[in-house]
């Protein structure tokens, strides 16, 4: 469950509350009964290591197929010579 942080608009008191995402936001300060607003805080979740970026997966499909760009151009040249009737 995430920890939400709230601050009172009246007294400035900060409150941390562990809540489900589906739970309603807190509305009332526990100390002065003023209006609370939810704060945005930093997370401790970090993605480290390889495999987390689109560029990490870009070349894996080409290596698995075993195809080389030079082989493709040779095949195209052979097809053109067959169409024109020259060898």
N, C-alpha and C. Protein backbone atom coordinates (compact mmCIF):
# COMPACT_ATOMS: atom_id res chain seq x y z
N UNK A 1 0.84 -1.19 0.00
CA UNK A 1 0.00 0.00 0.00
C UNK A 1 0.88 1.24 0.00
N UNK A 2 0.50 2.24 -0.77
CA UNK A 2 1.28 3.48 -0.81
C UNK A 2 1.06 4.34 0.43
N UNK A 3 2.07 5.15 0.71
CA UNK A 3 1.98 6.12 1.81
C UNK A 3 1.68 7.48 1.21
N UNK A 4 0.58 8.08 1.63
CA UNK A 4 0.19 9.40 1.15
C UNK A 4 0.55 10.43 2.21
N UNK A 5 0.97 11.59 1.75
CA UNK A 5 1.36 12.68 2.64
C UNK A 5 0.38 13.83 2.45
N UNK A 6 -0.09 14.38 3.54
CA UNK A 6 -1.06 15.48 3.53
C UNK A 6 -0.50 16.65 4.34
N UNK A 7 -0.92 17.86 3.99
CA UNK A 7 -0.55 19.05 4.74
C UNK A 7 -1.80 19.88 4.99
N UNK A 8 -1.92 20.38 6.23
CA UNK A 8 -3.06 21.20 6.60
C UNK A 8 -2.89 22.60 6.03
N UNK A 9 -3.96 23.14 5.46
CA UNK A 9 -3.91 24.50 4.93
C UNK A 9 -4.04 25.54 6.04
N UNK A 10 -4.48 25.12 7.23
CA UNK A 10 -4.68 26.04 8.34
C UNK A 10 -3.44 26.14 9.24
N UNK A 11 -2.97 25.02 9.77
CA UNK A 11 -1.84 25.06 10.72
C UNK A 11 -0.52 24.60 10.12
N UNK A 12 -0.52 24.00 8.91
CA UNK A 12 0.71 23.56 8.25
C UNK A 12 1.19 22.19 8.72
N UNK A 13 0.42 21.53 9.57
CA UNK A 13 0.77 20.20 10.08
C UNK A 13 0.84 19.20 8.92
N UNK A 14 1.84 18.33 8.96
CA UNK A 14 1.96 17.28 7.93
C UNK A 14 1.60 15.93 8.53
N UNK A 15 0.85 15.16 7.74
CA UNK A 15 0.38 13.85 8.17
C UNK A 15 0.71 12.85 7.08
N UNK A 16 1.24 11.68 7.47
CA UNK A 16 1.48 10.58 6.54
C UNK A 16 0.47 9.48 6.86
N UNK A 17 -0.14 8.91 5.82
CA UNK A 17 -1.14 7.88 6.02
C UNK A 17 -0.95 6.79 4.98
N UNK A 18 -0.91 5.53 5.46
CA UNK A 18 -0.83 4.39 4.55
C UNK A 18 -2.26 4.04 4.16
N UNK A 19 -2.56 4.17 2.84
CA UNK A 19 -3.91 3.95 2.35
C UNK A 19 -3.88 3.14 1.06
N UNK A 20 -5.00 2.51 0.78
CA UNK A 20 -5.17 1.87 -0.52
C UNK A 20 -5.40 2.96 -1.56
N UNK A 21 -5.14 2.63 -2.81
CA UNK A 21 -5.36 3.59 -3.88
C UNK A 21 -6.85 3.94 -3.99
N UNK A 22 -7.70 3.00 -3.69
CA UNK A 22 -9.15 3.20 -3.80
C UNK A 22 -9.75 3.95 -2.61
N UNK A 23 -8.99 4.13 -1.53
CA UNK A 23 -9.50 4.84 -0.35
C UNK A 23 -9.70 6.32 -0.65
N UNK A 24 -10.65 6.91 0.03
CA UNK A 24 -10.90 8.35 -0.09
C UNK A 24 -9.76 9.13 0.56
N UNK A 25 -9.47 10.32 0.01
CA UNK A 25 -8.44 11.19 0.58
C UNK A 25 -8.89 11.72 1.93
N UNK A 26 -7.93 11.97 2.82
CA UNK A 26 -8.26 12.59 4.10
C UNK A 26 -8.67 14.03 3.85
N UNK A 27 -9.65 14.51 4.60
CA UNK A 27 -10.17 15.85 4.41
C UNK A 27 -9.90 16.77 5.59
N UNK A 28 -9.77 16.20 6.80
CA UNK A 28 -9.71 17.02 8.00
C UNK A 28 -8.43 16.76 8.78
N UNK A 29 -7.77 17.86 9.20
CA UNK A 29 -6.53 17.77 9.99
C UNK A 29 -6.85 17.17 11.36
N UNK A 30 -6.03 16.19 11.82
CA UNK A 30 -6.29 15.58 13.12
C UNK A 30 -6.03 16.54 14.30
N UNK A 31 -5.21 17.57 14.12
CA UNK A 31 -4.90 18.45 15.25
C UNK A 31 -5.80 19.68 15.33
N UNK A 32 -6.11 20.34 14.19
CA UNK A 32 -6.90 21.58 14.25
C UNK A 32 -8.21 21.49 13.48
N UNK A 33 -8.50 20.35 12.86
CA UNK A 33 -9.71 20.12 12.08
C UNK A 33 -9.79 21.01 10.83
N UNK A 34 -8.63 21.53 10.37
CA UNK A 34 -8.57 22.32 9.14
C UNK A 34 -8.59 21.42 7.91
N UNK A 35 -8.58 22.05 6.75
CA UNK A 35 -8.63 21.33 5.48
C UNK A 35 -7.26 20.77 5.11
N UNK A 36 -7.21 19.49 4.74
CA UNK A 36 -5.96 18.85 4.30
C UNK A 36 -5.89 18.82 2.79
N UNK A 37 -4.67 18.93 2.27
CA UNK A 37 -4.45 18.74 0.83
C UNK A 37 -3.34 17.71 0.66
N UNK A 38 -3.49 16.89 -0.36
CA UNK A 38 -2.52 15.82 -0.60
C UNK A 38 -1.28 16.40 -1.26
N UNK A 39 -0.11 15.98 -0.81
CA UNK A 39 1.17 16.43 -1.35
C UNK A 39 1.74 15.40 -2.30
N UNK A 40 2.53 15.86 -3.24
CA UNK A 40 3.27 14.97 -4.12
C UNK A 40 4.65 14.78 -3.49
N UNK A 41 5.05 13.57 -3.27
CA UNK A 41 6.35 13.32 -2.68
C UNK A 41 7.16 12.37 -3.55
N UNK A 42 8.46 12.35 -3.32
CA UNK A 42 9.35 11.50 -4.09
C UNK A 42 9.16 10.04 -3.70
N UNK A 43 9.42 9.19 -4.64
CA UNK A 43 9.32 7.77 -4.39
C UNK A 43 10.70 7.17 -4.18
N UNK A 44 10.76 6.07 -3.50
CA UNK A 44 12.04 5.38 -3.30
C UNK A 44 12.25 4.30 -4.36
N UNK A 45 11.31 4.15 -5.28
CA UNK A 45 11.38 3.14 -6.32
C UNK A 45 12.28 3.61 -7.45
N UNK A 46 13.31 2.82 -7.77
CA UNK A 46 14.25 3.18 -8.83
C UNK A 46 14.46 1.98 -9.75
N UNK A 47 14.53 2.26 -11.04
CA UNK A 47 14.83 1.22 -12.02
C UNK A 47 16.31 1.31 -12.35
N UNK A 48 17.05 0.24 -12.02
CA UNK A 48 18.49 0.22 -12.28
C UNK A 48 18.84 -1.01 -13.09
N UNK A 49 19.94 -0.93 -13.80
CA UNK A 49 20.41 -2.07 -14.57
C UNK A 49 19.93 -2.02 -16.00
N UNK A 50 20.27 -3.02 -16.77
CA UNK A 50 19.89 -3.04 -18.18
C UNK A 50 18.49 -3.60 -18.34
N UNK A 51 17.89 -3.31 -19.47
CA UNK A 51 16.58 -3.85 -19.77
C UNK A 51 15.43 -2.92 -19.46
N UNK A 52 15.67 -1.71 -19.00
CA UNK A 52 14.59 -0.80 -18.63
C UNK A 52 14.33 0.28 -19.67
N UNK A 53 15.09 0.31 -20.72
CA UNK A 53 14.93 1.34 -21.73
C UNK A 53 14.60 0.70 -23.08
N UNK A 54 13.91 1.42 -23.94
CA UNK A 54 13.54 0.90 -25.26
C UNK A 54 14.77 0.56 -26.08
N UNK A 55 15.85 1.30 -25.89
CA UNK A 55 17.07 1.05 -26.65
C UNK A 55 17.74 -0.26 -26.26
N UNK A 56 17.46 -0.78 -25.07
CA UNK A 56 18.06 -2.04 -24.64
C UNK A 56 17.52 -3.23 -25.44
N UNK A 57 16.33 -3.12 -25.98
CA UNK A 57 15.70 -4.21 -26.69
C UNK A 57 15.76 -4.05 -28.21
N UNK A 58 16.22 -2.94 -28.68
CA UNK A 58 16.14 -2.60 -30.09
C UNK A 58 16.86 -3.60 -31.00
N UNK A 59 18.04 -4.04 -30.66
CA UNK A 59 18.84 -4.89 -31.54
C UNK A 59 18.68 -6.38 -31.25
N UNK A 60 17.96 -6.76 -30.21
CA UNK A 60 17.85 -8.17 -29.88
C UNK A 60 17.11 -8.97 -30.95
N UNK A 61 16.11 -8.41 -31.58
CA UNK A 61 15.36 -9.11 -32.62
C UNK A 61 16.21 -9.39 -33.84
N UNK A 62 17.09 -8.47 -34.22
CA UNK A 62 17.96 -8.66 -35.38
C UNK A 62 19.00 -9.74 -35.10
N UNK A 63 19.53 -9.79 -33.90
CA UNK A 63 20.55 -10.79 -33.57
C UNK A 63 19.95 -12.19 -33.52
N UNK A 64 18.71 -12.30 -33.05
CA UNK A 64 18.07 -13.61 -32.95
C UNK A 64 17.77 -14.21 -34.32
N UNK A 65 17.43 -13.39 -35.29
CA UNK A 65 17.10 -13.89 -36.63
C UNK A 65 18.34 -14.36 -37.38
N UNK A 66 19.50 -13.79 -37.06
CA UNK A 66 20.73 -14.18 -37.72
C UNK A 66 20.86 -13.60 -39.11
N UNK A 67 20.07 -12.59 -39.45
CA UNK A 67 20.14 -11.98 -40.77
C UNK A 67 21.15 -10.84 -40.77
N UNK A 68 21.78 -10.68 -41.91
CA UNK A 68 22.72 -9.58 -42.08
C UNK A 68 22.20 -8.70 -43.21
N UNK A 69 22.38 -7.40 -43.13
CA UNK A 69 21.91 -6.52 -44.20
C UNK A 69 22.56 -6.84 -45.54
N UNK A 70 23.81 -7.32 -45.57
CA UNK A 70 24.50 -7.62 -46.82
C UNK A 70 23.82 -8.79 -47.55
N UNK A 71 23.30 -9.78 -46.83
CA UNK A 71 22.63 -10.92 -47.44
C UNK A 71 21.36 -10.48 -48.16
N UNK A 72 20.66 -9.53 -47.58
CA UNK A 72 19.42 -9.06 -48.20
C UNK A 72 19.70 -8.39 -49.54
N UNK A 73 20.77 -7.60 -49.62
CA UNK A 73 21.07 -6.89 -50.86
C UNK A 73 21.50 -7.87 -51.96
N UNK A 74 22.17 -8.97 -51.62
CA UNK A 74 22.57 -9.96 -52.61
C UNK A 74 21.35 -10.66 -53.19
N UNK A 75 20.38 -10.94 -52.35
CA UNK A 75 19.17 -11.61 -52.81
C UNK A 75 18.41 -10.71 -53.76
N UNK A 76 18.34 -9.43 -53.45
CA UNK A 76 17.65 -8.48 -54.32
C UNK A 76 18.35 -8.39 -55.68
N UNK A 77 19.68 -8.42 -55.69
CA UNK A 77 20.42 -8.33 -56.95
C UNK A 77 20.15 -9.56 -57.81
N UNK A 78 20.05 -10.75 -57.20
CA UNK A 78 19.76 -11.97 -57.94
C UNK A 78 18.35 -11.91 -58.57
N UNK A 79 17.39 -11.38 -57.85
CA UNK A 79 16.03 -11.29 -58.37
C UNK A 79 15.95 -10.35 -59.55
N UNK A 80 16.70 -9.25 -59.51
CA UNK A 80 16.68 -8.29 -60.61
C UNK A 80 17.30 -8.91 -61.86
N UNK A 81 18.37 -9.68 -61.69
CA UNK A 81 19.00 -10.27 -62.86
C UNK A 81 18.10 -11.33 -63.49
N UNK A 82 17.30 -12.04 -62.71
CA UNK A 82 16.36 -13.02 -63.24
C UNK A 82 15.26 -12.36 -64.04
N UNK A 83 14.80 -11.20 -63.57
CA UNK A 83 13.73 -10.48 -64.26
C UNK A 83 14.20 -9.95 -65.61
N UNK A 84 15.44 -9.46 -65.69
CA UNK A 84 15.94 -8.89 -66.92
C UNK A 84 16.49 -9.96 -67.86
N UNK A 85 16.76 -11.14 -67.33
CA UNK A 85 17.27 -12.23 -68.15
C UNK A 85 18.78 -12.21 -68.28
N UNK A 86 19.50 -11.38 -67.53
CA UNK A 86 20.94 -11.37 -67.57
C UNK A 86 21.49 -12.10 -66.38
N UNK A 87 22.70 -12.61 -66.52
CA UNK A 87 23.28 -13.37 -65.43
C UNK A 87 24.42 -12.64 -64.79
